[in-house]
PDB file of N, CA and C in Angstrom:
ATOM      1  N   THR A   1       0.611  -1.037  -0.047  1.00  0.00           N
ATOM      2  CA  THR A   1       0.102  -0.216   0.074  1.00  0.00           C
ATOM      3  C   THR A   1       1.108   1.342   0.072  1.00  0.00           C
ATOM      4  N   CYS A   2       0.366   2.204  -0.480  1.00  0.00           N
ATOM      5  CA  CYS A   2       1.035   3.604  -0.635  1.00  0.00           C
ATOM      6  C   CYS A   2       0.377   4.572   0.507  1.00  0.00           C
ATOM      7  N   GLU A   3       1.098   5.159   0.957  1.00  0.00           N
ATOM      8  CA  GLU A   3       0.338   6.194   1.970  1.00  0.00           C
ATOM      9  C   GLU A   3       0.896   7.466   1.480  1.00  0.00           C
ATOM     10  N   PHE A   4      -0.211   8.367   1.583  1.00  0.00           N
ATOM     11  CA  PHE A   4      -0.204   9.918   1.452  1.00  0.00           C
ATOM     12  C   PHE A   4      -0.400  10.491   2.802  1.00  0.00           C
ATOM     13  N   ASN A   5       0.481  11.261   3.474  1.00  0.00           N
ATOM     14  CA  ASN A   5       0.313  11.930   4.403  1.00  0.00           C
ATOM     15  C   ASN A   5       0.457  13.483   4.043  1.00  0.00           C
ATOM     16  N   TYR A   6      -0.586  14.319   4.030  1.00  0.00           N
ATOM     17  CA  TYR A   6      -0.681  15.907   3.559  1.00  0.00           C
ATOM     18  C   TYR A   6      -0.671  16.871   4.893  1.00  0.00           C
ATOM     19  N   LEU A   7      -0.740  16.141   6.430  1.00  0.00           N
ATOM     20  CA  LEU A   7      -0.949  16.771   7.203  1.00  0.00           C
ATOM     21  C   LEU A   7       0.361  18.115   7.185  1.00  0.00           C
ATOM     22  N   PRO A   8       0.365  19.242   7.649  1.00  0.00           N
ATOM     23  CA  PRO A   8       1.284  19.964   7.786  1.00  0.00           C
ATOM     24  C   PRO A   8       2.843  19.384   8.546  1.00  0.00           C
ATOM     25  N   ASN A   9       2.537  18.830   9.398  1.00  0.00           N
ATOM     26  CA  ASN A   9       3.661  18.158  10.152  1.00  0.00           C
ATOM     27  C   ASN A   9       4.438  17.076   9.114  1.00  0.00           C
ATOM     28  N   ALA A  10       3.755  16.186   8.512  1.00  0.00           N
ATOM     29  CA  ALA A  10       4.671  15.465   7.325  1.00  0.00           C
ATOM     30  C   ALA A  10       5.036  15.912   6.369  1.00  0.00           C
ATOM     31  N   ARG A  11       4.356  17.024   5.626  1.00  0.00           N
ATOM     32  CA  ARG A  11       4.797  17.957   4.586  1.00  0.00           C
ATOM     33  C   ARG A  11       6.410  18.756   4.811  1.00  0.00           C
ATOM     34  N   THR A  12       6.271  19.086   6.053  1.00  0.00           N
ATOM     35  CA  THR A  12       7.354  20.031   6.715  1.00  0.00           C
ATOM     36  C   THR A  12       8.285  19.018   6.475  1.00  0.00           C
ATOM     37  N   LEU A  13       8.361  17.980   7.202  1.00  0.00           N
ATOM     38  CA  LEU A  13       9.641  16.973   7.619  1.00  0.00           C
ATOM     39  C   LEU A  13      10.076  16.641   6.093  1.00  0.00           C
ATOM     40  N   LYS A  14       8.738  16.256   5.445  1.00  0.00           N
ATOM     41  CA  LYS A  14       9.366  15.604   4.021  1.00  0.00           C
ATOM     42  C   LYS A  14      10.191  16.679   3.258  1.00  0.00           C
ATOM     43  N   ASN A  15       9.848  17.782   3.335  1.00  0.00           N
ATOM     44  CA  ASN A  15      10.356  18.967   2.481  1.00  0.00           C
ATOM     45  C   ASN A  15      11.862  19.182   3.227  1.00  0.00           C
ATOM     46  N   ILE A  16      11.962  19.076   4.462  1.00  0.00           N
ATOM     47  CA  ILE A  16      13.626  19.044   5.038  1.00  0.00           C
ATOM     48  C   ILE A  16      14.351  17.839   4.477  1.00  0.00           C
ATOM     49  N   ARG A  17      13.829  16.727   4.522  1.00  0.00           N
ATOM     50  CA  ARG A  17      14.628  15.512   4.312  1.00  0.00           C
ATOM     51  C   ARG A  17      14.838  15.554   2.548  1.00  0.00           C
ATOM     52  N   MET A  18      14.355  16.393   1.887  1.00  0.00           N
ATOM     53  CA  MET A  18      14.642  16.327   0.438  1.00  0.00           C
ATOM     54  C   MET A  18      15.740  16.957   0.069  1.00  0.00           C
ATOM     55  N   LYS A  19      16.272  17.832   1.125  1.00  0.00           N
ATOM     56  CA  LYS A  19      17.105  18.864   0.584  1.00  0.00           C
ATOM     57  C   LYS A  19      18.519  18.390   1.444  1.00  0.00           C
ATOM     58  N   GLU A  20      19.522  19.120   0.738  1.00  0.00           N
ATOM     59  CA  GLU A  20      20.776  18.912   1.005  1.00  0.00           C
ATOM     60  C   GLU A  20      21.064  19.536   2.549  1.00  0.00           C
ATOM     61  N   ARG A  21      21.734  18.403   3.461  1.00  0.00           N
ATOM     62  CA  ARG A  21      21.905  18.998   4.906  1.00  0.00           C
ATOM     63  C   ARG A  21      23.231  19.737   5.126  1.00  0.00           C
ATOM     64  N   HIS A  22      23.138  20.548   5.772  1.00  0.00           N
ATOM     65  CA  HIS A  22      24.432  20.955   6.486  1.00  0.00           C
ATOM     66  C   HIS A  22      24.251  21.046   7.852  1.00  0.00           C
ATOM     67  N   PHE A  23      25.456  20.753   8.478  1.00  0.00           N
ATOM     68  CA  PHE A  23      25.329  20.603  10.050  1.00  0.00           C
ATOM     69  C   PHE A  23      26.508  22.056  10.388  1.00  0.00           C
ATOM     70  N   SER A  24      25.935  22.411  11.638  1.00  0.00           N
ATOM     71  CA  SER A  24      26.510  23.662  12.108  1.00  0.00           C
ATOM     72  C   SER A  24      27.751  23.031  12.638  1.00  0.00           C
ATOM     73  N   PRO A  25      28.707  23.612  12.923  1.00  0.00           N
ATOM     74  CA  PRO A  25      30.137  23.201  13.618  1.00  0.00           C
ATOM     75  C   PRO A  25      29.740  22.344  15.030  1.00  0.00           C
ATOM     76  N   GLU A  26      29.142  22.836  15.459  1.00  0.00           N
ATOM     77  CA  GLU A  26      28.707  22.125  16.945  1.00  0.00           C
ATOM     78  C   GLU A  26      28.006  20.728  16.900  1.00  0.00           C
ATOM     79  N   LEU A  27      27.306  20.837  15.918  1.00  0.00           N
ATOM     80  CA  LEU A  27      26.570  19.373  15.202  1.00  0.00           C
ATOM     81  C   LEU A  27      27.708  18.464  14.635  1.00  0.00           C
ATOM     82  N   ARG A  28      28.381  18.936  13.649  1.00  0.00           N
ATOM     83  CA  ARG A  28      29.598  18.433  13.234  1.00  0.00           C
ATOM     84  C   ARG A  28      30.589  17.933  14.253  1.00  0.00           C
ATOM     85  N   GLN A  29      30.870  18.534  15.427  1.00  0.00           N
ATOM     86  CA  GLN A  29      31.628  17.774  16.440  1.00  0.00           C
ATOM     87  C   GLN A  29      30.922  16.616  17.008  1.00  0.00           C
ATOM     88  N   LEU A  30      29.581  16.757  17.320  1.00  0.00           N
ATOM     89  CA  LEU A  30      28.938  15.603  17.837  1.00  0.00           C
ATOM     90  C   LEU A  30      28.925  14.291  17.042  1.00  0.00           C
ATOM     91  N   ILE A  31      28.869  14.524  15.592  1.00  0.00           N
ATOM     92  CA  ILE A  31      29.226  13.523  14.679  1.00  0.00           C
ATOM     93  C   ILE A  31      30.205  12.855  14.656  1.00  0.00           C
ATOM     94  N   ASP A  32      31.419  13.928  14.439  1.00  0.00           N
ATOM     95  CA  ASP A  32      32.633  13.477  14.367  1.00  0.00           C
ATOM     96  C   ASP A  32      33.128  12.626  15.595  1.00  0.00           C
ATOM     97  N   ASN A  33      32.605  13.129  16.914  1.00  0.00           N
ATOM     98  CA  ASN A  33      32.854  12.310  18.000  1.00  0.00           C
ATOM     99  C   ASN A  33      31.845  11.010  18.303  1.00  0.00           C
ATOM    100  N   LYS A  34      31.238  10.763  17.466  1.00  0.00           N
ATOM    101  CA  LYS A  34      30.327   9.880  17.480  1.00  0.00           C
ATOM    102  C   LYS A  34      29.112   9.802  18.639  1.00  0.00           C
ATOM    103  N   GLU A  35      29.032  10.823  19.031  1.00  0.00           N
ATOM    104  CA  GLU A  35      27.944  11.169  20.037  1.00  0.00           C
ATOM    105  C   GLU A  35      26.685  11.144  19.627  1.00  0.00           C
ATOM    106  N   ILE A  36      26.500  11.298  18.144  1.00  0.00           N
ATOM    107  CA  ILE A  36      24.994  11.286  17.364  1.00  0.00           C
ATOM    108  C   ILE A  36      25.541  10.720  15.950  1.00  0.00           C
ATOM    109  N   ASP A  37      24.738  10.182  15.234  1.00  0.00           N
ATOM    110  CA  ASP A  37      25.247   9.893  13.493  1.00  0.00           C
ATOM    111  C   ASP A  37      23.712  10.649  12.818  1.00  0.00           C
ATOM    112  N   THR A  38      24.302  10.626  11.328  1.00  0.00           N
ATOM    113  CA  THR A  38      23.163  11.281  10.618  1.00  0.00           C
ATOM    114  C   THR A  38      22.069  10.418  10.660  1.00  0.00           C
ATOM    115  N   ALA A  39      22.204   8.850  10.875  1.00  0.00           N
ATOM    116  CA  ALA A  39      20.972   8.204  10.431  1.00  0.00           C
ATOM    117  C   ALA A  39      20.082   8.451  11.749  1.00  0.00           C
ATOM    118  N   GLU A  40      20.521   8.917  13.109  1.00  0.00           N
ATOM    119  CA  GLU A  40      19.597   8.896  14.135  1.00  0.00           C
ATOM    120  C   GLU A  40      18.832  10.388  13.837  1.00  0.00           C
ATOM    121  N   ILE A  41      19.669  11.471  12.805  1.00  0.00           N
ATOM    122  CA  ILE A  41      18.977  12.644  12.517  1.00  0.00           C
ATOM    123  C   ILE A  41      17.954  12.291  11.493  1.00  0.00           C
ATOM    124  N   SER A  42      18.381  11.336  10.573  1.00  0.00           N
ATOM    125  CA  SER A  42      17.313  11.344   9.561  1.00  0.00           C
ATOM    126  C   SER A  42      16.281  10.731  10.164  1.00  0.00           C
ATOM    127  N   ASN A  43      16.248   9.823  11.343  1.00  0.00           N
ATOM    128  CA  ASN A  43      15.111   9.295  12.184  1.00  0.00           C
ATOM    129  C   ASN A  43      14.228  10.235  12.673  1.00  0.00           C
ATOM    130  N   ILE A  44      14.741  11.262  13.351  1.00  0.00           N
ATOM    131  CA  ILE A  44      14.094  12.447  13.697  1.00  0.00           C
ATOM    132  C   ILE A  44      13.288  13.035  12.752  1.00  0.00           C
ATOM    133  N   LEU A  45      14.015  13.464  11.565  1.00  0.00           N
ATOM    134  CA  LEU A  45      13.524  13.991  10.325  1.00  0.00           C
ATOM    135  C   LEU A  45      12.036  13.372   9.841  1.00  0.00           C
ATOM    136  N   THR A  46      12.125  11.763  10.203  1.00  0.00           N
ATOM    137  CA  THR A  46      11.228  10.988   9.844  1.00  0.00           C
ATOM    138  C   THR A  46       9.720  11.081  10.729  1.00  0.00           C
ATOM    139  N   TYR A  47      10.313  10.830  11.748  1.00  0.00           N
ATOM    140  CA  TYR A  47       9.033  10.488  12.875  1.00  0.00           C
ATOM    141  C   TYR A  47       8.877  11.864  13.908  1.00  0.00           C
ATOM    142  N   GLY A  48       9.655  12.677  13.822  1.00  0.00           N
ATOM    143  CA  GLY A  48       9.895  13.696  14.700  1.00  0.00           C
ATOM    144  C   GLY A  48       8.339  14.492  14.854  1.00  0.00           C
ATOM    145  N   ASP A  49       8.155  15.452  15.622  1.00  0.00           N
ATOM    146  CA  ASP A  49       7.110  16.279  15.608  1.00  0.00           C
ATOM    147  C   ASP A  49       7.533  17.911  15.418  1.00  0.00           C
ATOM    148  N   VAL A  50       6.624  18.404  14.240  1.00  0.00           N
ATOM    149  CA  VAL A  50       7.066  20.049  14.266  1.00  0.00           C
ATOM    150  C   VAL A  50       6.611  20.928  15.301  1.00  0.00           C
ATOM    151  N   ASP A  51       7.133  21.436  16.070  1.00  0.00           N
ATOM    152  CA  ASP A  51       6.995  22.520  16.713  1.00  0.00           C
ATOM    153  C   ASP A  51       6.250  23.957  16.409  1.00  0.00           C
ATOM    154  N   PHE A  52       5.532  23.931  15.762  1.00  0.00           N
ATOM    155  CA  PHE A  52       4.616  24.959  14.680  1.00  0.00           C
ATOM    156  C   PHE A  52       4.698  26.324  15.676  1.00  0.00           C
ATOM    157  N   SER A  53       4.110  26.053  16.940  1.00  0.00           N
ATOM    158  CA  SER A  53       3.986  27.535  17.779  1.00  0.00           C
ATOM    159  C   SER A  53       5.451  27.977  18.237  1.00  0.00           C
ATOM    160  N   ARG A  54       6.542  27.380  18.028  1.00  0.00           N
ATOM    161  CA  ARG A  54       7.879  28.012  18.436  1.00  0.00           C
ATOM    162  C   ARG A  54       8.462  28.224  17.186  1.00  0.00           C
ATOM    163  N   SER A  55       8.002  27.424  16.059  1.00  0.00           N
ATOM    164  CA  SER A  55       8.932  27.614  14.829  1.00  0.00           C
ATOM    165  C   SER A  55       8.614  29.252  14.289  1.00  0.00           C
ATOM    166  N   LYS A  56       9.704  29.680  13.397  1.00  0.00           N
ATOM    167  CA  LYS A  56       9.380  30.901  12.884  1.00  0.00           C
ATOM    168  C   LYS A  56       9.157  30.627  11.133  1.00  0.00           C
ATOM    169  N   VAL A  57       8.125  30.733  10.620  1.00  0.00           N
ATOM    170  CA  VAL A  57       7.863  30.282   9.426  1.00  0.00           C
ATOM    171  C   VAL A  57       7.299  31.524   8.568  1.00  0.00           C
ATOM    172  N   LYS A  58       6.900  32.854   8.870  1.00  0.00           N
ATOM    173  CA  LYS A  58       6.577  34.003   8.492  1.00  0.00           C
ATOM    174  C   LYS A  58       7.808  34.680   7.879  1.00  0.00           C
ATOM    175  N   ILE A  59       8.899  34.272   8.027  1.00  0.00           N
ATOM    176  CA  ILE A  59       9.950  35.041   7.491  1.00  0.00           C
ATOM    177  C   ILE A  59      10.273  35.060   5.974  1.00  0.00           C
ATOM    178  N   ASP A  60      10.776  35.626   5.315  1.00  0.00           N
ATOM    179  CA  ASP A  60      11.005  35.644   3.917  1.00  0.00           C
ATOM    180  C   ASP A  60      11.938  34.947   3.398  1.00  0.00           C
ATOM    181  N   SER A  61      13.239  35.013   4.019  1.00  0.00           N
ATOM    182  CA  SER A  61      14.439  34.039   3.849  1.00  0.00           C
ATOM    183  C   SER A  61      13.948  32.578   4.059  1.00  0.00           C
ATOM    184  N   CYS A  62      14.911  31.973   5.028  1.00  0.00           N
ATOM    185  CA  CYS A  62      14.705  30.329   5.515  1.00  0.00           C
ATOM    186  C   CYS A  62      13.736  30.554   6.868  1.00  0.00           C
ATOM    187  N   LYS A  63      13.153  29.728   6.673  1.00  0.00           N
ATOM    188  CA  LYS A  63      12.158  29.264   7.750  1.00  0.00           C
ATOM    189  C   LYS A  63      12.960  28.606   9.137  1.00  0.00           C
ATOM    190  N   LEU A  64      12.480  28.725  10.252  1.00  0.00           N
ATOM    191  CA  LEU A  64      13.210  28.396  11.324  1.00  0.00           C
ATOM    192  C   LEU A  64      12.210  27.390  11.945  1.00  0.00           C
ATOM    193  N   TYR A  65      12.706  26.098  11.798  1.00  0.00           N
ATOM    194  CA  TYR A  65      11.935  24.975  12.666  1.00  0.00           C
ATOM    195  C   TYR A  65      11.979  24.197  13.838  1.00  0.00           C
ATOM    196  N   ILE A  66      11.482  24.155  14.672  1.00  0.00           N
ATOM    197  CA  ILE A  66      11.809  23.352  15.928  1.00  0.00           C
ATOM    198  C   ILE A  66      11.268  21.805  15.865  1.00  0.00           C
ATOM    199  N   ILE A  67      11.857  20.850  15.827  1.00  0.00           N
ATOM    200  CA  ILE A  67      11.382  19.533  15.670  1.00  0.00           C
ATOM    201  C   ILE A  67      11.847  18.736  16.620  1.00  0.00           C
ATOM    202  N   GLU A  68      10.796  18.166  17.607  1.00  0.00           N
ATOM    203  CA  GLU A  68      11.143  17.368  18.663  1.00  0.00           C
ATOM    204  C   GLU A  68      11.126  15.846  18.204  1.00  0.00           C
ATOM    205  N   GLY A  69      11.878  15.113  19.006  1.00  0.00           N
ATOM    206  CA  GLY A  69      11.924  13.672  18.601  1.00  0.00           C
ATOM    207  C   GLY A  69      12.804  12.996  19.620  1.00  0.00           C
ATOM    208  N   MET A  70      12.751  11.548  19.601  1.00  0.00           N
ATOM    209  CA  MET A  70      13.476  10.677  20.533  1.00  0.00           C
ATOM    210  C   MET A  70      14.927  10.381  20.064  1.00  0.00           C
ATOM    211  N   LEU A  71      15.792  10.295  20.934  1.00  0.00           N
ATOM    212  CA  LEU A  71      17.080   9.820  20.508  1.00  0.00           C
ATOM    213  C   LEU A  71      17.428   8.978  21.718  1.00  0.00           C
ATOM    214  N   ARG A  72      17.703   7.724  21.460  1.00  0.00           N
ATOM    215  CA  ARG A  72      18.283   6.685  22.694  1.00  0.00           C
ATOM    216  C   ARG A  72      17.258   6.960  23.669  1.00  0.00           C
ATOM    217  N   ASN A  73      15.997   7.016  23.701  1.00  0.00           N
ATOM    218  CA  ASN A  73      15.236   6.874  24.667  1.00  0.00           C
ATOM    219  C   ASN A  73      15.030   8.326  25.566  1.00  0.00           C
ATOM    220  N   LYS A  74      15.471   9.434  25.063  1.00  0.00           N
ATOM    221  CA  LYS A  74      15.648  10.845  25.532  1.00  0.00           C
ATOM    222  C   LYS A  74      14.931  11.783  24.407  1.00  0.00           C
ATOM    223  N   LYS A  75      14.323  12.554  25.190  1.00  0.00           N
ATOM    224  CA  LYS A  75      13.618  13.636  24.092  1.00  0.00           C
ATOM    225  C   LYS A  75      14.484  14.855  23.669  1.00  0.00           C
ATOM    226  N   ILE A  76      14.703  14.808  22.497  1.00  0.00           N
ATOM    227  CA  ILE A  76      15.299  16.046  22.024  1.00  0.00           C
ATOM    228  C   ILE A  76      14.667  16.818  21.280  1.00  0.00           C
ATOM    229  N   GLU A  77      15.476  17.686  20.683  1.00  0.00           N
ATOM    230  CA  GLU A  77      14.899  19.009  19.976  1.00  0.00           C
ATOM    231  C   GLU A  77      15.998  19.370  18.633  1.00  0.00           C
ATOM    232  N   LEU A  78      15.678  19.595  17.771  1.00  0.00           N
ATOM    233  CA  LEU A  78      16.468  20.035  16.521  1.00  0.00           C
ATOM    234  C   LEU A  78      16.012  21.528  16.196  1.00  0.00           C
ATOM    235  N   THR A  79      17.066  22.167  16.027  1.00  0.00           N
ATOM    236  CA  THR A  79      16.416  23.412  15.406  1.00  0.00           C
ATOM    237  C   THR A  79      17.286  23.689  14.075  1.00  0.00           C
ATOM    238  N   ILE A  80      16.167  23.854  13.036  1.00  0.00           N
ATOM    239  CA  ILE A  80      16.536  23.460  11.602  1.00  0.00           C
ATOM    240  C   ILE A  80      16.252  24.979  10.803  1.00  0.00           C
ATOM    241  N   LEU A  81      17.380  25.205  10.091  1.00  0.00           N
ATOM    242  CA  LEU A  81      16.842  26.462   9.153  1.00  0.00           C
ATOM    243  C   LEU A  81      16.604  25.869   7.897  1.00  0.00           C
ATOM    244  N   ASN A  82      15.421  25.883   7.375  1.00  0.00           N
ATOM    245  CA  ASN A  82      14.869  25.332   6.114  1.00  0.00           C
ATOM    246  C   ASN A  82      15.058  26.590   4.987  1.00  0.00           C
ATOM    247  N   CYS A  83      16.052  26.315   4.084  1.00  0.00           N
ATOM    248  CA  CYS A  83      16.288  26.998   2.730  1.00  0.00           C
ATOM    249  C   CYS A  83      15.534  26.689   1.570  1.00  0.00           C
ATOM    250  N   ASP A  84      15.624  27.535   0.525  1.00  0.00           N
ATOM    251  CA  ASP A  84      15.316  26.864  -0.906  1.00  0.00           C
ATOM    252  C   ASP A  84      15.789  25.682  -1.092  1.00  0.00           C
ATOM    253  N   SER A  85      17.117  25.279  -0.989  1.00  0.00           N
ATOM    254  CA  SER A  85      17.868  24.418  -1.305  1.00  0.00           C
ATOM    255  C   SER A  85      18.400  23.549  -0.231  1.00  0.00           C
ATOM    256  N   THR A  86      18.761  24.196   0.792  1.00  0.00           N
ATOM    257  CA  THR A  86      19.396  23.367   1.814  1.00  0.00           C
ATOM    258  C   THR A  86      18.482  23.466   3.289  1.00  0.00           C
ATOM    259  N   ALA A  87      19.149  22.423   3.929  1.00  0.00           N
ATOM    260  CA  ALA A  87      18.128  22.400   5.416  1.00  0.00           C
ATOM    261  C   ALA A  87      19.602  22.531   6.329  1.00  0.00           C
ATOM    262  N   GLN A  88      19.775  23.597   6.844  1.00  0.00           N
ATOM    263  CA  GLN A  88      20.708  23.836   7.985  1.00  0.00           C
ATOM    264  C   GLN A  88      20.404  23.194   9.445  1.00  0.00           C
ATOM    265  N   ILE A  89      21.268  21.995   9.612  1.00  0.00           N
ATOM    266  CA  ILE A  89      20.741  21.643  11.205  1.00  0.00           C
ATOM    267  C   ILE A  89      21.679  22.467  12.078  1.00  0.00           C
ATOM    268  N   GLN A  90      21.158  23.130  13.027  1.00  0.00           N
ATOM    269  CA  GLN A  90      21.764  24.030  13.629  1.00  0.00           C
ATOM    270  C   GLN A  90      22.141  23.777  15.093  1.00  0.00           C
ATOM    271  N   ILE A  91      21.155  23.254  15.696  1.00  0.00           N
ATOM    272  CA  ILE A  91      20.925  23.185  17.287  1.00  0.00           C
ATOM    273  C   ILE A  91      20.471  21.635  17.523  1.00  0.00           C
ATOM    274  N   ILE A  92      21.135  20.950  18.568  1.00  0.00           N
ATOM    275  CA  ILE A  92      20.198  19.506  19.117  1.00  0.00           C
ATOM    276  C   ILE A  92      20.558  19.973  20.236  1.00  0.00           C
ATOM    277  N   LYS A  93      19.121  19.911  21.290  1.00  0.00           N
ATOM    278  CA  LYS A  93      19.547  19.734  22.654  1.00  0.00           C
ATOM    279  C   LYS A  93      18.354  18.891  23.328  1.00  0.00           C
ATOM    280  N   MET A  94      18.679  18.356  24.424  1.00  0.00           N
ATOM    281  CA  MET A  94      17.856  17.405  25.244  1.00  0.00           C
ATOM    282  C   MET A  94      17.211  18.277  25.964  1.00  0.00           C
ATOM    283  N   ILE A  95      15.807  17.498  25.912  1.00  0.00           N
ATOM    284  CA  ILE A  95      14.564  18.420  26.524  1.00  0.00           C
ATOM    285  C   ILE A  95      14.428  17.339  27.871  1.00  0.00           C
ATOM    286  N   ASP A  96      14.191  18.180  28.955  1.00  0.00           N
ATOM    287  CA  ASP A  96      13.650  17.139  30.433  1.00  0.00           C
ATOM    288  C   ASP A  96      12.488  16.734  30.291  1.00  0.00           C
TER     289      ASP A  96
END
């Protein structure tokens, strides 16, 4: 079966997943130190929840999204700058 999900959350995550990803220096350091890997980030970009109330989507340039997800049984949050052709993953932080 083929699933189509047109809800804003699914559309936003799909839009981000389709773009070339760039990582902030801080995030690149975590990846290089094997504290997180790109597959785990991809997983969050597939199954996460966009926090639209805290995201900034009314700006002309890149839209800023806050995406919450699970990483090794901990709640985390990604801050992503979603531009025309790239998705810049800027911050990852644990949520209590």
